[in-house]
Amino acid sequence: MTDKRIIIADDHPLFLEGLHSVLEKIKGVDLLATVTNGRQLIDCLQQYNPDIVLLDLNMPRLDGIETLKILKSQFPKIRVIVLTSYYQPELKREIKLLGADGYLSKNSSANLIEEAIKTVAAGNTWFTDDSPVEASPSPFFIDDFMKKYQLTKREVEIIRMIVAGIPTREIGERLFVSEFTINAHRRNICRKLNVHTPVGLINFAKEQGLV
């Protein structure tokens, strides 16, 4: 049997490096190329004609969801495994409906990644629940979350303290700023996330897996 040809689409250099190392050790796999955005991926598919695409959801120029729609419309024979830091059931259902062949957490072990690739390569799908939400989100998740909602590191830090139930005065003391400054941050956070109450902010953070 010929090797399965794979392209990785992801814009995180460290993750790309790690995944490249994993794929090098899998027999029957040929890594053709790595790309860093959805548009670049679509442009190179005719040239490389891969069997499988490992697709990140959060990419510049053309995000993973839109890229997946184009892939399944224009290149239906290419099988797609979504690799993501997000692991919400609603998202998994959405990408499954869009035709993805697999859904895998970026925090998965090398063995699990290999098993998923071999399963999809054999013509089956991989939508198991073997990759639970982590208690402490990965750095890649935080980076994606900040980019998506245009949050600063300080704002993410404040969100976590609010969710932990720390009073505004104590948050200010820990960050060496005034209550007024913390309240200003809180207003900016709520505006960016489009939430209007402390309970809404807490629920949003928990739903997104930020805490």
N, C-alpha and C. Protein backbone atom coordinates (compact mmCIF):
# COMPACT_ATOMS: atom_id res chain seq x y z
N MET A 1 0.84 -1.19 0.00
CA MET A 1 0.00 0.00 0.00
C MET A 1 0.88 1.24 0.00
N THR A 2 0.53 2.22 -0.82
CA THR A 2 1.33 3.45 -0.89
C THR A 2 1.12 4.31 0.35
N ASP A 3 2.11 5.15 0.62
CA ASP A 3 2.01 6.05 1.78
C ASP A 3 0.85 7.03 1.60
N LYS A 4 0.25 7.39 2.73
CA LYS A 4 -0.80 8.40 2.71
C LYS A 4 -0.15 9.78 2.75
N ARG A 5 -0.50 10.61 1.78
CA ARG A 5 0.11 11.93 1.65
C ARG A 5 -0.67 12.94 2.47
N ILE A 6 0.06 13.71 3.29
CA ILE A 6 -0.57 14.60 4.25
C ILE A 6 -0.06 16.03 4.11
N ILE A 7 -0.97 16.99 4.27
CA ILE A 7 -0.61 18.41 4.40
C ILE A 7 -1.13 18.90 5.74
N ILE A 8 -0.30 19.69 6.44
CA ILE A 8 -0.71 20.31 7.70
C ILE A 8 -1.01 21.78 7.44
N ALA A 9 -2.15 22.25 7.93
CA ALA A 9 -2.49 23.67 7.85
C ALA A 9 -2.64 24.20 9.27
N ASP A 10 -1.66 24.98 9.71
CA ASP A 10 -1.65 25.51 11.08
C ASP A 10 -0.68 26.67 11.14
N ASP A 11 -1.01 27.70 11.92
CA ASP A 11 -0.13 28.88 11.96
C ASP A 11 0.64 29.01 13.28
N HIS A 12 0.73 27.92 14.04
CA HIS A 12 1.52 27.94 15.27
C HIS A 12 2.86 27.21 15.04
N PRO A 13 3.97 27.92 14.96
CA PRO A 13 5.26 27.30 14.64
C PRO A 13 5.65 26.16 15.58
N LEU A 14 5.45 26.35 16.88
CA LEU A 14 5.84 25.31 17.83
C LEU A 14 5.00 24.06 17.66
N PHE A 15 3.71 24.24 17.45
CA PHE A 15 2.85 23.07 17.24
C PHE A 15 3.21 22.38 15.94
N LEU A 16 3.47 23.15 14.88
CA LEU A 16 3.87 22.57 13.61
C LEU A 16 5.13 21.72 13.76
N GLU A 17 6.07 22.25 14.50
CA GLU A 17 7.33 21.53 14.70
C GLU A 17 7.09 20.21 15.43
N GLY A 18 6.25 20.26 16.46
CA GLY A 18 5.96 19.05 17.21
C GLY A 18 5.20 18.03 16.39
N LEU A 19 4.21 18.49 15.62
CA LEU A 19 3.43 17.57 14.80
C LEU A 19 4.28 16.97 13.69
N HIS A 20 5.18 17.77 13.15
CA HIS A 20 6.10 17.27 12.12
C HIS A 20 6.92 16.10 12.68
N SER A 21 7.39 16.25 13.90
CA SER A 21 8.18 15.18 14.54
C SER A 21 7.34 13.92 14.74
N VAL A 22 6.08 14.11 15.10
CA VAL A 22 5.19 12.96 15.29
C VAL A 22 4.98 12.22 13.97
N LEU A 23 4.71 12.96 12.91
CA LEU A 23 4.42 12.34 11.62
C LEU A 23 5.63 11.61 11.06
N GLU A 24 6.81 12.12 11.32
CA GLU A 24 8.03 11.47 10.83
C GLU A 24 8.18 10.04 11.35
N LYS A 25 7.58 9.77 12.50
CA LYS A 25 7.73 8.46 13.14
C LYS A 25 6.61 7.49 12.77
N ILE A 26 5.63 7.96 12.00
CA ILE A 26 4.50 7.11 11.63
C ILE A 26 4.78 6.45 10.28
N LYS A 27 4.80 5.13 10.26
CA LYS A 27 5.02 4.41 9.02
C LYS A 27 3.80 4.56 8.11
N GLY A 28 4.05 4.69 6.82
CA GLY A 28 2.97 4.79 5.86
C GLY A 28 2.43 6.19 5.69
N VAL A 29 3.18 7.19 6.16
CA VAL A 29 2.76 8.58 6.06
C VAL A 29 3.84 9.39 5.36
N ASP A 30 3.42 10.23 4.43
CA ASP A 30 4.35 11.11 3.71
C ASP A 30 3.86 12.55 3.87
N LEU A 31 4.61 13.35 4.64
CA LEU A 31 4.25 14.75 4.84
C LEU A 31 4.68 15.56 3.62
N LEU A 32 3.71 16.06 2.87
CA LEU A 32 4.00 16.77 1.63
C LEU A 32 4.38 18.23 1.88
N ALA A 33 3.65 18.89 2.77
CA ALA A 33 3.86 20.33 2.95
C ALA A 33 3.17 20.79 4.23
N THR A 34 3.60 21.96 4.71
CA THR A 34 2.91 22.64 5.80
C THR A 34 2.58 24.05 5.32
N VAL A 35 1.37 24.51 5.65
CA VAL A 35 0.94 25.85 5.28
C VAL A 35 0.41 26.55 6.52
N THR A 36 0.32 27.86 6.47
CA THR A 36 -0.01 28.62 7.67
C THR A 36 -1.33 29.39 7.58
N ASN A 37 -2.06 29.24 6.50
CA ASN A 37 -3.39 29.86 6.43
C ASN A 37 -4.25 29.10 5.44
N GLY A 38 -5.57 29.31 5.55
CA GLY A 38 -6.50 28.57 4.73
C GLY A 38 -6.37 28.84 3.25
N ARG A 39 -6.13 30.08 2.89
CA ARG A 39 -5.99 30.43 1.48
C ARG A 39 -4.79 29.73 0.86
N GLN A 40 -3.68 29.70 1.59
CA GLN A 40 -2.48 29.01 1.10
C GLN A 40 -2.75 27.52 0.91
N LEU A 41 -3.53 26.94 1.82
CA LEU A 41 -3.87 25.53 1.70
C LEU A 41 -4.67 25.26 0.43
N ILE A 42 -5.72 26.03 0.22
CA ILE A 42 -6.56 25.83 -0.97
C ILE A 42 -5.73 25.97 -2.24
N ASP A 43 -4.83 26.94 -2.25
CA ASP A 43 -4.02 27.20 -3.45
C ASP A 43 -3.07 26.04 -3.78
N CYS A 44 -2.66 25.29 -2.76
CA CYS A 44 -1.64 24.25 -3.02
C CYS A 44 -2.24 22.85 -3.19
N LEU A 45 -3.55 22.71 -3.03
CA LEU A 45 -4.14 21.37 -3.09
C LEU A 45 -4.03 20.73 -4.46
N GLN A 46 -4.21 21.52 -5.51
CA GLN A 46 -4.08 20.98 -6.87
C GLN A 46 -2.67 20.48 -7.13
N GLN A 47 -1.69 21.21 -6.61
CA GLN A 47 -0.30 20.85 -6.84
C GLN A 47 0.08 19.56 -6.12
N TYR A 48 -0.34 19.43 -4.85
CA TYR A 48 0.12 18.30 -4.04
C TYR A 48 -0.85 17.12 -4.02
N ASN A 49 -2.13 17.36 -4.21
CA ASN A 49 -3.13 16.30 -4.23
C ASN A 49 -2.98 15.35 -3.03
N PRO A 50 -3.14 15.85 -1.81
CA PRO A 50 -2.94 15.01 -0.63
C PRO A 50 -4.11 14.05 -0.41
N ASP A 51 -3.87 13.05 0.41
CA ASP A 51 -4.94 12.14 0.83
C ASP A 51 -5.65 12.69 2.06
N ILE A 52 -4.86 13.33 2.95
CA ILE A 52 -5.39 13.82 4.22
C ILE A 52 -4.87 15.22 4.50
N VAL A 53 -5.73 16.08 5.03
CA VAL A 53 -5.33 17.39 5.52
C VAL A 53 -5.57 17.45 7.02
N LEU A 54 -4.55 17.87 7.76
CA LEU A 54 -4.69 18.14 9.20
C LEU A 54 -4.93 19.64 9.32
N LEU A 55 -6.12 20.02 9.75
CA LEU A 55 -6.59 21.39 9.62
C LEU A 55 -6.84 22.07 10.96
N ASP A 56 -6.14 23.17 11.20
CA ASP A 56 -6.40 24.01 12.37
C ASP A 56 -7.64 24.87 12.09
N LEU A 57 -8.40 25.19 13.13
CA LEU A 57 -9.59 26.02 12.94
C LEU A 57 -9.29 27.51 12.93
N ASN A 58 -8.31 27.93 13.72
CA ASN A 58 -8.06 29.36 13.87
C ASN A 58 -6.83 29.76 13.07
N MET A 59 -7.06 30.21 11.82
CA MET A 59 -5.96 30.61 10.94
C MET A 59 -6.28 31.95 10.30
N PRO A 60 -5.26 32.69 9.88
CA PRO A 60 -5.50 33.96 9.19
C PRO A 60 -5.95 33.76 7.75
N ARG A 61 -6.45 34.85 7.18
CA ARG A 61 -6.87 34.94 5.77
C ARG A 61 -8.13 34.12 5.48
N LEU A 62 -8.15 32.86 5.87
CA LEU A 62 -9.33 32.02 5.69
C LEU A 62 -9.34 31.03 6.85
N ASP A 63 -10.33 31.15 7.74
CA ASP A 63 -10.30 30.31 8.94
C ASP A 63 -10.66 28.86 8.62
N GLY A 64 -10.50 28.00 9.62
CA GLY A 64 -10.67 26.57 9.40
C GLY A 64 -12.06 26.16 8.97
N ILE A 65 -13.09 26.81 9.52
CA ILE A 65 -14.46 26.46 9.15
C ILE A 65 -14.71 26.75 7.68
N GLU A 66 -14.34 27.95 7.22
CA GLU A 66 -14.54 28.30 5.81
C GLU A 66 -13.68 27.43 4.91
N THR A 67 -12.46 27.14 5.37
CA THR A 67 -11.57 26.28 4.59
C THR A 67 -12.16 24.88 4.45
N LEU A 68 -12.73 24.38 5.54
CA LEU A 68 -13.35 23.05 5.51
C LEU A 68 -14.51 23.00 4.52
N LYS A 69 -15.31 24.05 4.49
CA LYS A 69 -16.43 24.10 3.53
C LYS A 69 -15.93 24.02 2.09
N ILE A 70 -14.86 24.77 1.80
CA ILE A 70 -14.31 24.76 0.44
C ILE A 70 -13.70 23.40 0.12
N LEU A 71 -12.98 22.84 1.08
CA LEU A 71 -12.36 21.53 0.88
C LEU A 71 -13.38 20.47 0.50
N LYS A 72 -14.46 20.42 1.28
CA LYS A 72 -15.45 19.38 1.05
C LYS A 72 -16.30 19.63 -0.18
N SER A 73 -16.35 20.88 -0.63
CA SER A 73 -17.10 21.21 -1.83
C SER A 73 -16.28 20.96 -3.10
N GLN A 74 -15.02 21.42 -3.08
CA GLN A 74 -14.19 21.37 -4.28
C GLN A 74 -13.25 20.16 -4.32
N PHE A 75 -12.93 19.60 -3.17
CA PHE A 75 -12.00 18.46 -3.11
C PHE A 75 -12.58 17.36 -2.23
N PRO A 76 -13.72 16.78 -2.61
CA PRO A 76 -14.43 15.84 -1.73
C PRO A 76 -13.67 14.56 -1.40
N LYS A 77 -12.69 14.21 -2.22
CA LYS A 77 -11.95 12.97 -1.96
C LYS A 77 -10.89 13.14 -0.87
N ILE A 78 -10.51 14.40 -0.59
CA ILE A 78 -9.51 14.64 0.44
C ILE A 78 -10.16 14.50 1.82
N ARG A 79 -9.54 13.71 2.66
CA ARG A 79 -10.08 13.50 4.00
C ARG A 79 -9.46 14.54 4.95
N VAL A 80 -10.26 15.01 5.90
CA VAL A 80 -9.86 16.13 6.74
C VAL A 80 -10.00 15.77 8.22
N ILE A 81 -8.90 15.95 8.95
CA ILE A 81 -8.93 15.83 10.41
C ILE A 81 -8.73 17.23 10.98
N VAL A 82 -9.69 17.70 11.73
CA VAL A 82 -9.57 19.00 12.38
C VAL A 82 -8.76 18.84 13.66
N LEU A 83 -7.69 19.60 13.75
CA LEU A 83 -6.85 19.62 14.96
C LEU A 83 -7.06 20.98 15.63
N THR A 84 -7.54 20.98 16.86
CA THR A 84 -7.91 22.25 17.47
C THR A 84 -7.67 22.26 18.97
N SER A 85 -7.52 23.47 19.50
CA SER A 85 -7.42 23.64 20.94
C SER A 85 -8.81 23.73 21.58
N TYR A 86 -9.84 23.97 20.75
CA TYR A 86 -11.20 24.05 21.25
C TYR A 86 -11.82 22.66 21.27
N TYR A 87 -12.52 22.35 22.35
CA TYR A 87 -13.16 21.03 22.40
C TYR A 87 -14.55 21.16 23.01
N GLN A 88 -15.41 21.90 22.33
CA GLN A 88 -16.79 22.02 22.76
C GLN A 88 -17.66 21.08 21.91
N PRO A 89 -18.63 20.40 22.54
CA PRO A 89 -19.49 19.47 21.79
C PRO A 89 -20.19 20.13 20.61
N GLU A 90 -20.61 21.40 20.78
CA GLU A 90 -21.31 22.09 19.69
C GLU A 90 -20.40 22.26 18.48
N LEU A 91 -19.13 22.57 18.73
CA LEU A 91 -18.18 22.75 17.64
C LEU A 91 -17.93 21.42 16.94
N LYS A 92 -17.79 20.36 17.72
CA LYS A 92 -17.57 19.05 17.12
C LYS A 92 -18.74 18.66 16.22
N ARG A 93 -19.96 18.93 16.67
CA ARG A 93 -21.13 18.60 15.85
C ARG A 93 -21.13 19.41 14.56
N GLU A 94 -20.74 20.70 14.66
CA GLU A 94 -20.74 21.56 13.48
C GLU A 94 -19.76 21.07 12.43
N ILE A 95 -18.53 20.78 12.84
CA ILE A 95 -17.55 20.37 11.83
C ILE A 95 -17.86 18.98 11.28
N LYS A 96 -18.53 18.16 12.08
CA LYS A 96 -18.96 16.85 11.57
C LYS A 96 -20.01 17.03 10.50
N LEU A 97 -20.95 17.94 10.73
CA LEU A 97 -21.99 18.23 9.73
C LEU A 97 -21.40 18.82 8.45
N LEU A 98 -20.28 19.53 8.60
CA LEU A 98 -19.62 20.14 7.43
C LEU A 98 -18.80 19.12 6.64
N GLY A 99 -18.70 17.90 7.16
CA GLY A 99 -18.05 16.84 6.39
C GLY A 99 -16.66 16.45 6.84
N ALA A 100 -16.19 16.99 7.96
CA ALA A 100 -14.86 16.59 8.45
C ALA A 100 -14.86 15.10 8.76
N ASP A 101 -13.70 14.49 8.62
CA ASP A 101 -13.57 13.05 8.85
C ASP A 101 -13.00 12.72 10.22
N GLY A 102 -12.52 13.76 10.91
CA GLY A 102 -11.97 13.54 12.25
C GLY A 102 -11.88 14.83 13.01
N TYR A 103 -11.81 14.70 14.34
CA TYR A 103 -11.76 15.87 15.23
C TYR A 103 -10.86 15.49 16.39
N LEU A 104 -9.75 16.21 16.55
CA LEU A 104 -8.74 15.80 17.51
C LEU A 104 -8.17 17.00 18.24
N SER A 105 -8.00 16.87 19.55
CA SER A 105 -7.43 17.94 20.35
C SER A 105 -5.93 18.07 20.07
N LYS A 106 -5.44 19.32 20.06
CA LYS A 106 -4.01 19.56 19.89
C LYS A 106 -3.21 19.02 21.07
N ASN A 107 -3.87 18.76 22.17
CA ASN A 107 -3.17 18.24 23.34
C ASN A 107 -3.08 16.71 23.34
N SER A 108 -3.52 16.09 22.25
CA SER A 108 -3.50 14.63 22.17
C SER A 108 -2.08 14.09 22.15
N SER A 109 -1.94 12.87 22.63
CA SER A 109 -0.63 12.21 22.61
C SER A 109 -0.26 11.82 21.19
N ALA A 110 1.02 11.53 20.99
CA ALA A 110 1.49 11.10 19.67
C ALA A 110 0.79 9.81 19.25
N ASN A 111 0.57 8.90 20.19
CA ASN A 111 -0.10 7.64 19.87
C ASN A 111 -1.53 7.86 19.41
N LEU A 112 -2.23 8.82 20.06
CA LEU A 112 -3.60 9.10 19.69
C LEU A 112 -3.68 9.76 18.31
N ILE A 113 -2.73 10.66 18.03
CA ILE A 113 -2.68 11.29 16.71
C ILE A 113 -2.44 10.23 15.63
N GLU A 114 -1.52 9.33 15.90
CA GLU A 114 -1.24 8.26 14.93
C GLU A 114 -2.47 7.39 14.71
N GLU A 115 -3.15 7.04 15.79
CA GLU A 115 -4.35 6.20 15.67
C GLU A 115 -5.44 6.90 14.87
N ALA A 116 -5.61 8.20 15.12
CA ALA A 116 -6.63 8.95 14.39
C ALA A 116 -6.31 9.01 12.89
N ILE A 117 -5.04 9.28 12.56
CA ILE A 117 -4.64 9.36 11.15
C ILE A 117 -4.85 8.02 10.45
N LYS A 118 -4.45 6.93 11.09
CA LYS A 118 -4.60 5.61 10.47
C LYS A 118 -6.07 5.24 10.32
N THR A 119 -6.89 5.64 11.28
CA THR A 119 -8.33 5.35 11.21
C THR A 119 -8.97 6.09 10.05
N VAL A 120 -8.65 7.36 9.91
CA VAL A 120 -9.21 8.16 8.82
C VAL A 120 -8.65 7.71 7.47
N ALA A 121 -7.37 7.38 7.44
CA ALA A 121 -6.75 6.90 6.20
C ALA A 121 -7.40 5.61 5.70
N ALA A 122 -7.92 4.82 6.64
CA ALA A 122 -8.55 3.55 6.28
C ALA A 122 -10.01 3.74 5.82
N GLY A 123 -10.46 5.00 5.79
CA GLY A 123 -11.80 5.27 5.31
C GLY A 123 -12.84 5.42 6.40
N ASN A 124 -12.41 5.41 7.65
CA ASN A 124 -13.33 5.56 8.77
C ASN A 124 -13.25 6.99 9.32
N THR A 125 -14.08 7.29 10.31
CA THR A 125 -14.06 8.61 10.93
C THR A 125 -13.55 8.51 12.35
N TRP A 126 -13.10 9.66 12.87
CA TRP A 126 -12.55 9.72 14.24
C TRP A 126 -13.21 10.90 14.97
N PHE A 127 -14.25 10.56 15.73
CA PHE A 127 -14.94 11.58 16.52
C PHE A 127 -15.15 11.06 17.94
N THR A 128 -14.08 10.55 18.52
CA THR A 128 -14.18 10.01 19.86
C THR A 128 -14.11 11.15 20.87
N ASP A 129 -14.35 10.82 22.12
CA ASP A 129 -14.27 11.79 23.22
C ASP A 129 -13.02 11.54 24.06
N ASP A 130 -11.95 11.09 23.39
CA ASP A 130 -10.73 10.76 24.11
C ASP A 130 -9.91 11.98 24.50
N SER A 131 -10.34 13.18 24.08
CA SER A 131 -9.57 14.39 24.35
C SER A 131 -10.41 15.38 25.15
N PRO A 132 -10.49 15.21 26.48
CA PRO A 132 -11.35 16.07 27.28
C PRO A 132 -10.81 17.47 27.40
N VAL A 133 -11.69 18.40 27.83
CA VAL A 133 -11.26 19.76 28.09
C VAL A 133 -10.29 19.76 29.26
N GLU A 134 -9.19 20.43 29.14
CA GLU A 134 -8.20 20.47 30.20
C GLU A 134 -8.60 21.45 31.29
N ALA A 135 -8.18 21.16 32.52
CA ALA A 135 -8.43 22.10 33.61
C ALA A 135 -7.66 23.39 33.38
N SER A 136 -6.46 23.26 32.82
CA SER A 136 -5.64 24.44 32.50
C SER A 136 -5.46 24.51 30.99
N PRO A 137 -6.10 25.47 30.33
CA PRO A 137 -6.00 25.54 28.87
C PRO A 137 -4.57 25.68 28.40
N SER A 138 -4.28 25.11 27.22
CA SER A 138 -2.93 25.18 26.67
C SER A 138 -2.60 26.59 26.22
N PRO A 139 -1.30 26.90 26.07
CA PRO A 139 -0.91 28.22 25.56
C PRO A 139 -1.51 28.51 24.19
N PHE A 140 -1.67 27.47 23.36
CA PHE A 140 -2.24 27.68 22.05
C PHE A 140 -3.69 28.12 22.15
N PHE A 141 -4.44 27.54 23.12
CA PHE A 141 -5.83 27.95 23.30
C PHE A 141 -5.89 29.41 23.70
N ILE A 142 -5.07 29.81 24.68
CA ILE A 142 -5.09 31.19 25.15
C ILE A 142 -4.76 32.15 24.02
N ASP A 143 -3.79 31.79 23.21
CA ASP A 143 -3.41 32.64 22.07
C ASP A 143 -4.57 32.79 21.11
N ASP A 144 -5.24 31.67 20.78
CA ASP A 144 -6.39 31.72 19.88
C ASP A 144 -7.51 32.56 20.48
N PHE A 145 -7.78 32.36 21.77
CA PHE A 145 -8.86 33.09 22.44
C PHE A 145 -8.58 34.59 22.42
N MET A 146 -7.35 34.98 22.70
CA MET A 146 -7.00 36.39 22.72
C MET A 146 -7.13 37.01 21.33
N LYS A 147 -6.68 36.30 20.31
CA LYS A 147 -6.78 36.84 18.95
C LYS A 147 -8.23 36.97 18.50
N LYS A 148 -9.03 35.96 18.83
CA LYS A 148 -10.41 35.96 18.39
C LYS A 148 -11.20 37.13 18.97
N TYR A 149 -10.96 37.42 20.27
CA TYR A 149 -11.75 38.45 20.94
C TYR A 149 -10.95 39.74 21.20
N GLN A 150 -9.73 39.79 20.66
CA GLN A 150 -8.88 40.99 20.77
C GLN A 150 -8.67 41.39 22.23
N LEU A 151 -8.37 40.39 23.04
CA LEU A 151 -8.10 40.61 24.46
C LEU A 151 -6.60 40.73 24.69
N THR A 152 -6.23 41.45 25.75
CA THR A 152 -4.83 41.51 26.17
C THR A 152 -4.56 40.44 27.22
N LYS A 153 -3.28 40.17 27.47
CA LYS A 153 -2.92 39.21 28.51
C LYS A 153 -3.46 39.65 29.87
N ARG A 154 -3.40 40.94 30.14
CA ARG A 154 -3.91 41.46 31.40
C ARG A 154 -5.41 41.21 31.53
N GLU A 155 -6.15 41.40 30.44
CA GLU A 155 -7.59 41.17 30.48
C GLU A 155 -7.92 39.70 30.72
N VAL A 156 -7.18 38.79 30.10
CA VAL A 156 -7.40 37.36 30.35
C VAL A 156 -7.11 37.03 31.81
N GLU A 157 -6.06 37.63 32.35
CA GLU A 157 -5.71 37.43 33.76
C GLU A 157 -6.84 37.90 34.67
N ILE A 158 -7.43 39.04 34.34
CA ILE A 158 -8.53 39.58 35.15
C ILE A 158 -9.77 38.70 35.02
N ILE A 159 -10.05 38.21 33.82
CA ILE A 159 -11.19 37.30 33.65
C ILE A 159 -11.06 36.11 34.58
N ARG A 160 -9.88 35.52 34.62
CA ARG A 160 -9.67 34.34 35.46
C ARG A 160 -9.88 34.66 36.94
N MET A 161 -9.44 35.83 37.36
CA MET A 161 -9.63 36.22 38.76
C MET A 161 -11.11 36.46 39.07
N ILE A 162 -11.81 37.07 38.13
CA ILE A 162 -13.25 37.30 38.33
C ILE A 162 -13.97 35.97 38.46
N VAL A 163 -13.66 35.03 37.56
CA VAL A 163 -14.31 33.72 37.59
C VAL A 163 -13.98 32.98 38.89
N ALA A 164 -12.77 33.21 39.41
CA ALA A 164 -12.37 32.58 40.67
C ALA A 164 -13.04 33.23 41.88
N GLY A 165 -13.81 34.30 41.65
CA GLY A 165 -14.54 34.94 42.74
C GLY A 165 -13.73 35.93 43.56
N ILE A 166 -12.61 36.39 43.02
CA ILE A 166 -11.76 37.33 43.75
C ILE A 166 -12.38 38.73 43.65
N PRO A 167 -12.57 39.43 44.76
CA PRO A 167 -13.18 40.76 44.75
C PRO A 167 -12.34 41.76 43.96
N THR A 168 -13.01 42.79 43.45
CA THR A 168 -12.33 43.80 42.63
C THR A 168 -11.16 44.43 43.36
N ARG A 169 -11.35 44.77 44.64
CA ARG A 169 -10.27 45.41 45.39
C ARG A 169 -9.04 44.50 45.46
N GLU A 170 -9.27 43.21 45.71
CA GLU A 170 -8.14 42.28 45.82
C GLU A 170 -7.46 42.09 44.47
N ILE A 171 -8.25 42.07 43.38
CA ILE A 171 -7.65 41.97 42.05
C ILE A 171 -6.72 43.16 41.83
N GLY A 172 -7.19 44.35 42.20
CA GLY A 172 -6.37 45.54 42.06
C GLY A 172 -5.09 45.44 42.87
N GLU A 173 -5.20 44.92 44.10
CA GLU A 173 -4.02 44.79 44.95
C GLU A 173 -3.02 43.81 44.35
N ARG A 174 -3.52 42.72 43.80
CA ARG A 174 -2.62 41.71 43.22
C ARG A 174 -1.90 42.27 41.98
N LEU A 175 -2.60 43.12 41.25
CA LEU A 175 -2.02 43.65 40.01
C LEU A 175 -1.40 45.04 40.20
N PHE A 176 -1.46 45.53 41.43
CA PHE A 176 -0.86 46.82 41.79
C PHE A 176 -1.48 47.98 41.02
N VAL A 177 -2.82 47.91 40.87
CA VAL A 177 -3.56 49.00 40.23
C VAL A 177 -4.78 49.30 41.09
N SER A 178 -5.47 50.40 40.77
CA SER A 178 -6.64 50.82 41.55
C SER A 178 -7.88 50.03 41.17
N GLU A 179 -8.90 50.09 42.05
CA GLU A 179 -10.19 49.49 41.73
C GLU A 179 -10.78 50.13 40.48
N PHE A 180 -10.57 51.43 40.34
CA PHE A 180 -11.07 52.14 39.17
C PHE A 180 -10.51 51.51 37.88
N THR A 181 -9.22 51.19 37.90
CA THR A 181 -8.58 50.59 36.72
C THR A 181 -9.15 49.22 36.44
N ILE A 182 -9.37 48.43 37.48
CA ILE A 182 -9.94 47.08 37.30
C ILE A 182 -11.35 47.19 36.73
N ASN A 183 -12.13 48.12 37.25
CA ASN A 183 -13.49 48.30 36.73
C ASN A 183 -13.48 48.73 35.26
N ALA A 184 -12.49 49.54 34.89
CA ALA A 184 -12.36 49.95 33.49
C ALA A 184 -12.02 48.74 32.62
N HIS A 185 -11.11 47.88 33.11
CA HIS A 185 -10.79 46.65 32.39
C HIS A 185 -12.03 45.77 32.26
N ARG A 186 -12.80 45.67 33.32
CA ARG A 186 -13.99 44.83 33.31
C ARG A 186 -14.99 45.31 32.23
N ARG A 187 -15.17 46.64 32.16
CA ARG A 187 -16.07 47.19 31.15
C ARG A 187 -15.58 46.87 29.73
N ASN A 188 -14.26 47.02 29.52
CA ASN A 188 -13.70 46.72 28.20
C ASN A 188 -13.86 45.24 27.84
N ILE A 189 -13.64 44.38 28.83
CA ILE A 189 -13.78 42.94 28.61
C ILE A 189 -15.22 42.60 28.22
N CYS A 190 -16.17 43.14 28.97
CA CYS A 190 -17.59 42.86 28.69
C CYS A 190 -17.99 43.38 27.31
N ARG A 191 -17.44 44.52 26.93
CA ARG A 191 -17.73 45.06 25.59
C ARG A 191 -17.18 44.15 24.51
N LYS A 192 -15.94 43.70 24.67
CA LYS A 192 -15.31 42.85 23.67
C LYS A 192 -16.01 41.49 23.54
N LEU A 193 -16.47 40.97 24.67
CA LEU A 193 -17.10 39.65 24.66
C LEU A 193 -18.61 39.73 24.48
N ASN A 194 -19.13 40.96 24.48
CA ASN A 194 -20.56 41.18 24.32
C ASN A 194 -21.36 40.49 25.43
N VAL A 195 -20.90 40.64 26.65
CA VAL A 195 -21.64 40.17 27.82
C VAL A 195 -21.95 41.38 28.70
N HIS A 196 -23.00 41.29 29.51
CA HIS A 196 -23.48 42.50 30.18
C HIS A 196 -23.58 42.37 31.70
N THR A 197 -23.30 41.19 32.23
CA THR A 197 -23.38 40.99 33.68
C THR A 197 -22.21 40.15 34.15
N PRO A 198 -21.85 40.23 35.44
CA PRO A 198 -20.78 39.37 35.96
C PRO A 198 -21.08 37.88 35.76
N VAL A 199 -22.34 37.49 35.94
CA VAL A 199 -22.71 36.09 35.72
C VAL A 199 -22.51 35.71 34.26
N GLY A 200 -22.88 36.63 33.36
CA GLY A 200 -22.69 36.37 31.94
C GLY A 200 -21.23 36.19 31.58
N LEU A 201 -20.36 37.00 32.20
CA LEU A 201 -18.92 36.88 31.96
C LEU A 201 -18.39 35.54 32.45
N ILE A 202 -18.81 35.16 33.64
CA ILE A 202 -18.36 33.88 34.22
C ILE A 202 -18.82 32.71 33.36
N ASN A 203 -20.08 32.74 32.95
CA ASN A 203 -20.61 31.65 32.13
C ASN A 203 -19.90 31.59 30.78
N PHE A 204 -19.62 32.76 30.19
CA PHE A 204 -18.92 32.80 28.91
C PHE A 204 -17.53 32.17 29.04
N ALA A 205 -16.80 32.55 30.08
CA ALA A 205 -15.44 32.03 30.27
C ALA A 205 -15.45 30.51 30.45
N LYS A 206 -16.43 30.01 31.17
CA LYS A 206 -16.51 28.57 31.40
C LYS A 206 -16.92 27.83 30.13
N GLU A 207 -17.86 28.40 29.39
CA GLU A 207 -18.28 27.77 28.14
C GLU A 207 -17.15 27.69 27.12
N GLN A 208 -16.27 28.71 27.14
CA GLN A 208 -15.15 28.75 26.19
C GLN A 208 -13.97 27.90 26.63
N GLY A 209 -14.07 27.34 27.84
CA GLY A 209 -12.97 26.52 28.36
C GLY A 209 -11.78 27.31 28.80
N LEU A 210 -12.00 28.61 29.10
CA LEU A 210 -10.88 29.47 29.49
C LEU A 210 -10.40 29.14 30.91
N VAL A 211 -11.26 28.59 31.74
CA VAL A 211 -10.90 28.28 33.12
C VAL A 211 -11.25 26.84 33.43
